[in-house]
Amino acid sequence: AMGWHRQAPGKQRELVAAITSGGST
């Protein structure tokens, strides 16, 4: 799987979106 996470100043890193090798999101 691959995905995008984000981290804003003073906040924890969070998952934004992910996609599996099979294409599920």
PDB file of all heavy atoms in Angstrom:
ATOM      1  N   ALA A   1       0.849  -1.189   0.000  1.00  0.00           N
ATOM      2  CA  ALA A   1       0.000   0.000   0.000  1.00  0.00           C
ATOM      3  C   ALA A   1       0.880   1.233   0.000  1.00  0.00           C
ATOM      4  O   ALA A   1       2.020   1.204   0.483  1.00  0.00           O
ATOM      5  CB  ALA A   1      -0.918   0.021   1.221  1.00  0.00           C
ATOM      6  N   MET A   2       0.333   2.313  -0.538  1.00  0.00           N
ATOM      7  CA  MET A   2       0.999   3.614  -0.475  1.00  0.00           C
ATOM      8  C   MET A   2      -0.015   4.648  -0.045  1.00  0.00           C
ATOM      9  O   MET A   2      -1.228   4.472  -0.237  1.00  0.00           O
ATOM     10  CB  MET A   2       1.601   3.980  -1.832  1.00  0.00           C
ATOM     11  CG  MET A   2       2.747   3.082  -2.236  1.00  0.00           C
ATOM     12  SD  MET A   2       3.560   3.602  -3.756  1.00  0.00           S
ATOM     13  CE  MET A   2       4.351   5.141  -3.221  1.00  0.00           C
ATOM     14  N   GLY A   3       0.482   5.702   0.539  1.00  0.00           N
ATOM     15  CA  GLY A   3      -0.446   6.710   1.024  1.00  0.00           C
ATOM     16  C   GLY A   3       0.214   8.052   1.222  1.00  0.00           C
ATOM     17  O   GLY A   3       1.421   8.207   1.007  1.00  0.00           O
ATOM     18  N   TRP A   4      -0.613   8.982   1.598  1.00  0.00           N
ATOM     19  CA  TRP A   4      -0.181  10.334   1.925  1.00  0.00           C
ATOM     20  C   TRP A   4      -0.582  10.636   3.369  1.00  0.00           C
ATOM     21  O   TRP A   4      -1.728  10.398   3.763  1.00  0.00           O
ATOM     22  CB  TRP A   4      -0.822  11.348   0.984  1.00  0.00           C
ATOM     23  CG  TRP A   4      -0.304  11.272  -0.412  1.00  0.00           C
ATOM     24  CD1 TRP A   4      -0.830  10.559  -1.444  1.00  0.00           C
ATOM     25  CD2 TRP A   4       0.851  11.930  -0.927  1.00  0.00           C
ATOM     26  NE1 TRP A   4      -0.072  10.729  -2.574  1.00  0.00           N
ATOM     27  CE2 TRP A   4       0.962  11.573  -2.292  1.00  0.00           C
ATOM     28  CE3 TRP A   4       1.802  12.799  -0.393  1.00  0.00           C
ATOM     29  CZ2 TRP A   4       1.992  12.045  -3.116  1.00  0.00           C
ATOM     30  CZ3 TRP A   4       2.821  13.272  -1.206  1.00  0.00           C
ATOM     31  CH2 TRP A   4       2.908  12.898  -2.542  1.00  0.00           C
ATOM     32  N   HIS A   5       0.373  11.151   4.103  1.00  0.00           N
ATOM     33  CA  HIS A   5       0.126  11.634   5.446  1.00  0.00           C
ATOM     34  C   HIS A   5       0.473  13.116   5.468  1.00  0.00           C
ATOM     35  O   HIS A   5       1.168  13.613   4.575  1.00  0.00           O
ATOM     36  CB  HIS A   5       1.005  10.904   6.462  1.00  0.00           C
ATOM     37  CG  HIS A   5       0.654   9.456   6.650  1.00  0.00           C
ATOM     38  ND1 HIS A   5       0.774   8.515   5.655  1.00  0.00           N
ATOM     39  CD2 HIS A   5       0.178   8.781   7.724  1.00  0.00           C
ATOM     40  CE1 HIS A   5       0.407   7.338   6.099  1.00  0.00           C
ATOM     41  NE2 HIS A   5       0.039   7.464   7.356  1.00  0.00           N
ATOM     42  N   ARG A   6       0.014  13.806   6.487  1.00  0.00           N
ATOM     43  CA  ARG A   6       0.391  15.214   6.617  1.00  0.00           C
ATOM     44  C   ARG A   6       0.629  15.556   8.080  1.00  0.00           C
ATOM     45  O   ARG A   6       0.076  14.918   8.975  1.00  0.00           O
ATOM     46  CB  ARG A   6      -0.673  16.126   6.016  1.00  0.00           C
ATOM     47  CG  ARG A   6      -2.003  16.134   6.766  1.00  0.00           C
ATOM     48  CD  ARG A   6      -3.035  16.952   5.997  1.00  0.00           C
ATOM     49  NE  ARG A   6      -4.329  16.985   6.675  1.00  0.00           N
ATOM     50  CZ  ARG A   6      -5.426  17.510   6.138  1.00  0.00           C
ATOM     51  NH1 ARG A   6      -5.393  18.053   4.916  1.00  0.00           N
ATOM     52  NH2 ARG A   6      -6.559  17.512   6.821  1.00  0.00           N
ATOM     53  N   GLN A   7       1.440  16.573   8.265  1.00  0.00           N
ATOM     54  CA  GLN A   7       1.733  17.030   9.611  1.00  0.00           C
ATOM     55  C   GLN A   7       1.763  18.552   9.627  1.00  0.00           C
ATOM     56  O   GLN A   7       2.594  19.168   8.951  1.00  0.00           O
ATOM     57  CB  GLN A   7       3.062  16.472  10.118  1.00  0.00           C
ATOM     58  CG  GLN A   7       3.328  16.770  11.576  1.00  0.00           C
ATOM     59  CD  GLN A   7       4.450  15.939  12.148  1.00  0.00           C
ATOM     60  OE1 GLN A   7       5.273  15.379  11.430  1.00  0.00           O
ATOM     61  NE2 GLN A   7       4.489  15.827  13.478  1.00  0.00           N
ATOM     62  N   ALA A   8       0.849  19.120  10.391  1.00  0.00           N
ATOM     63  CA  ALA A   8       0.800  20.563  10.570  1.00  0.00           C
ATOM     64  C   ALA A   8       1.611  20.934  11.810  1.00  0.00           C
ATOM     65  O   ALA A   8       1.825  20.097  12.694  1.00  0.00           O
ATOM     66  CB  ALA A   8      -0.642  21.019  10.720  1.00  0.00           C
ATOM     67  N   PRO A   9       2.070  22.182  11.902  1.00  0.00           N
ATOM     68  CA  PRO A   9       2.864  22.597  13.062  1.00  0.00           C
ATOM     69  C   PRO A   9       2.120  22.342  14.365  1.00  0.00           C
ATOM     70  O   PRO A   9       0.948  22.694  14.508  1.00  0.00           O
ATOM     71  CB  PRO A   9       3.061  24.095  12.823  1.00  0.00           C
ATOM     72  CG  PRO A   9       2.978  24.253  11.354  1.00  0.00           C
ATOM     73  CD  PRO A   9       1.954  23.250  10.898  1.00  0.00           C
ATOM     74  N   GLY A  10       2.805  21.686  15.298  1.00  0.00           N
ATOM     75  CA  GLY A  10       2.229  21.424  16.600  1.00  0.00           C
ATOM     76  C   GLY A  10       1.236  20.293  16.642  1.00  0.00           C
ATOM     77  O   GLY A  10       0.610  20.046  17.686  1.00  0.00           O
ATOM     78  N   LYS A  11       1.066  19.587  15.526  1.00  0.00           N
ATOM     79  CA  LYS A  11       0.095  18.497  15.476  1.00  0.00           C
ATOM     80  C   LYS A  11       0.777  17.197  15.106  1.00  0.00           C
ATOM     81  O   LYS A  11       1.886  17.179  14.566  1.00  0.00           O
ATOM     82  CB  LYS A  11      -1.016  18.813  14.472  1.00  0.00           C
ATOM     83  CG  LYS A  11      -1.879  19.993  14.863  1.00  0.00           C
ATOM     84  CD  LYS A  11      -3.066  20.126  13.929  1.00  0.00           C
ATOM     85  CE  LYS A  11      -3.988  21.260  14.373  1.00  0.00           C
ATOM     86  NZ  LYS A  11      -5.167  21.380  13.468  1.00  0.00           N
ATOM     87  N   GLN A  12       0.093  16.086  15.389  1.00  0.00           N
ATOM     88  CA  GLN A  12       0.627  14.784  15.031  1.00  0.00           C
ATOM     89  C   GLN A  12       0.435  14.525  13.539  1.00  0.00           C
ATOM     90  O   GLN A  12      -0.476  15.063  12.906  1.00  0.00           O
ATOM     91  CB  GLN A  12      -0.083  13.697  15.842  1.00  0.00           C
ATOM     92  CG  GLN A  12       0.286  13.693  17.318  1.00  0.00           C
ATOM     93  CD  GLN A  12      -0.267  12.469  18.042  1.00  0.00           C
ATOM     94  OE1 GLN A  12      -1.315  11.957  17.657  1.00  0.00           O
ATOM     95  NE2 GLN A  12       0.425  12.013  19.068  1.00  0.00           N
ATOM     96  N   ARG A  13       1.296  13.691  13.023  1.00  0.00           N
ATOM     97  CA  ARG A  13       1.145  13.274  11.627  1.00  0.00           C
ATOM     98  C   ARG A  13      -0.125  12.444  11.505  1.00  0.00           C
ATOM     99  O   ARG A  13      -0.401  11.579  12.343  1.00  0.00           O
ATOM    100  CB  ARG A  13       2.361  12.471  11.174  1.00  0.00           C
ATOM    101  CG  ARG A  13       2.418  12.207   9.697  1.00  0.00           C
ATOM    102  CD  ARG A  13       3.727  11.546   9.293  1.00  0.00           C
ATOM    103  NE  ARG A  13       4.876  12.407   9.560  1.00  0.00           N
ATOM    104  CZ  ARG A  13       6.109  12.138   9.129  1.00  0.00           C
ATOM    105  NH1 ARG A  13       6.337  11.051   8.419  1.00  0.00           N
ATOM    106  NH2 ARG A  13       7.103  12.957   9.429  1.00  0.00           N
ATOM    107  N   GLU A  14      -0.897  12.689  10.453  1.00  0.00           N
ATOM    108  CA  GLU A  14      -2.152  11.975  10.257  1.00  0.00           C
ATOM    109  C   GLU A  14      -2.263  11.445   8.837  1.00  0.00           C
ATOM    110  O   GLU A  14      -1.723  12.026   7.884  1.00  0.00           O
ATOM    111  CB  GLU A  14      -3.345  12.911  10.537  1.00  0.00           C
ATOM    112  CG  GLU A  14      -3.438  14.098   9.619  1.00  0.00           C
ATOM    113  CD  GLU A  14      -4.696  14.935   9.837  1.00  0.00           C
ATOM    114  OE1 GLU A  14      -5.546  14.570  10.669  1.00  0.00           O
ATOM    115  OE2 GLU A  14      -4.821  15.972   9.153  1.00  0.00           O
ATOM    116  N   LEU A  15      -2.976  10.339   8.715  1.00  0.00           N
ATOM    117  CA  LEU A  15      -3.231   9.758   7.399  1.00  0.00           C
ATOM    118  C   LEU A  15      -4.225  10.635   6.649  1.00  0.00           C
ATOM    119  O   LEU A  15      -5.261  11.020   7.191  1.00  0.00           O
ATOM    120  CB  LEU A  15      -3.787   8.349   7.542  1.00  0.00           C
ATOM    121  CG  LEU A  15      -4.238   7.678   6.247  1.00  0.00           C
ATOM    122  CD1 LEU A  15      -3.050   7.384   5.345  1.00  0.00           C
ATOM    123  CD2 LEU A  15      -5.011   6.399   6.552  1.00  0.00           C
ATOM    124  N   VAL A  16      -3.917  10.915   5.398  1.00  0.00           N
ATOM    125  CA  VAL A  16      -4.819  11.667   4.535  1.00  0.00           C
ATOM    126  C   VAL A  16      -5.552  10.716   3.591  1.00  0.00           C
ATOM    127  O   VAL A  16      -6.779  10.747   3.481  1.00  0.00           O
ATOM    128  CB  VAL A  16      -4.045  12.721   3.720  1.00  0.00           C
ATOM    129  CG1 VAL A  16      -4.968  13.429   2.738  1.00  0.00           C
ATOM    130  CG2 VAL A  16      -3.357  13.715   4.646  1.00  0.00           C
ATOM    131  N   ALA A  17      -4.792   9.875   2.902  1.00  0.00           N
ATOM    132  CA  ALA A  17      -5.386   8.945   1.944  1.00  0.00           C
ATOM    133  C   ALA A  17      -4.410   7.813   1.694  1.00  0.00           C
ATOM    134  O   ALA A  17      -3.197   8.000   1.807  1.00  0.00           O
ATOM    135  CB  ALA A  17      -5.726   9.638   0.635  1.00  0.00           C
ATOM    136  N   ALA A  18      -4.945   6.655   1.345  1.00  0.00           N
ATOM    137  CA  ALA A  18      -4.105   5.501   1.051  1.00  0.00           C
ATOM    138  C   ALA A  18      -4.728   4.693  -0.068  1.00  0.00           C
ATOM    139  O   ALA A  18      -5.952   4.721  -0.279  1.00  0.00           O
ATOM    140  CB  ALA A  18      -3.917   4.639   2.303  1.00  0.00           C
ATOM    141  N   ILE A  19      -3.863   3.957  -0.775  1.00  0.00           N
ATOM    142  CA  ILE A  19      -4.322   3.088  -1.856  1.00  0.00           C
ATOM    143  C   ILE A  19      -3.523   1.797  -1.786  1.00  0.00           C
ATOM    144  O   ILE A  19      -2.298   1.821  -1.622  1.00  0.00           O
ATOM    145  CB  ILE A  19      -4.176   3.791  -3.222  1.00  0.00           C
ATOM    146  CG1 ILE A  19      -4.776   2.943  -4.329  1.00  0.00           C
ATOM    147  CG2 ILE A  19      -2.715   4.144  -3.531  1.00  0.00           C
ATOM    148  CD1 ILE A  19      -4.977   3.721  -5.643  1.00  0.00           C
ATOM    149  N   THR A  20      -4.224   0.676  -1.896  1.00  0.00           N
ATOM    150  CA  THR A  20      -3.544  -0.610  -1.821  1.00  0.00           C
ATOM    151  C   THR A  20      -3.053  -1.035  -3.199  1.00  0.00           C
ATOM    152  O   THR A  20      -3.408  -0.437  -4.218  1.00  0.00           O
ATOM    153  CB  THR A  20      -4.479  -1.694  -1.280  1.00  0.00           C
ATOM    154  OG1 THR A  20      -5.498  -1.954  -2.253  1.00  0.00           O
ATOM    155  CG2 THR A  20      -5.124  -1.271   0.034  1.00  0.00           C
ATOM    156  N   SER A  21      -2.272  -2.099  -3.222  1.00  0.00           N
ATOM    157  CA  SER A  21      -1.774  -2.603  -4.496  1.00  0.00           C
ATOM    158  C   SER A  21      -2.931  -3.068  -5.375  1.00  0.00           C
ATOM    159  O   SER A  21      -2.817  -3.057  -6.609  1.00  0.00           O
ATOM    160  CB  SER A  21      -0.791  -3.745  -4.258  1.00  0.00           C
ATOM    161  OG  SER A  21      -1.396  -4.766  -3.480  1.00  0.00           O
ATOM    162  N   GLY A  22      -4.046  -3.425  -4.751  1.00  0.00           N
ATOM    163  CA  GLY A  22      -5.220  -3.845  -5.512  1.00  0.00           C
ATOM    164  C   GLY A  22      -6.110  -2.697  -5.936  1.00  0.00           C
ATOM    165  O   GLY A  22      -7.098  -2.905  -6.663  1.00  0.00           O
ATOM    166  N   GLY A  23      -5.791  -1.481  -5.491  1.00  0.00           N
ATOM    167  CA  GLY A  23      -6.550  -0.314  -5.918  1.00  0.00           C
ATOM    168  C   GLY A  23      -7.597   0.176  -4.931  1.00  0.00           C
ATOM    169  O   GLY A  23      -8.268   1.177  -5.194  1.00  0.00           O
ATOM    170  N   SER A  24      -7.744  -0.485  -3.798  1.00  0.00           N
ATOM    171  CA  SER A  24      -8.687  -0.006  -2.788  1.00  0.00           C
ATOM    172  C   SER A  24      -8.155   1.272  -2.146  1.00  0.00           C
ATOM    173  O   SER A  24      -6.951   1.400  -1.929  1.00  0.00           O
ATOM    174  CB  SER A  24      -8.902  -1.067  -1.708  1.00  0.00           C
ATOM    175  OG  SER A  24      -9.458  -2.228  -2.263  1.00  0.00           O
ATOM    176  N   THR A  25      -9.076   2.179  -1.859  1.00  0.00           N
ATOM    177  CA  THR A  25      -8.677   3.469  -1.297  1.00  0.00           C
ATOM    178  C   THR A  25      -9.404   3.758   0.011  1.00  0.00           C
ATOM    179  O   THR A  25     -10.489   3.223   0.256  1.00  0.00           O
ATOM    180  CB  THR A  25      -8.959   4.614  -2.283  1.00  0.00           C
ATOM    181  OG1 THR A  25     -10.364   4.647  -2.567  1.00  0.00           O
ATOM    182  CG2 THR A  25      -8.188   4.442  -3.575  1.00  0.00           C
TER     183      THR A  25
END
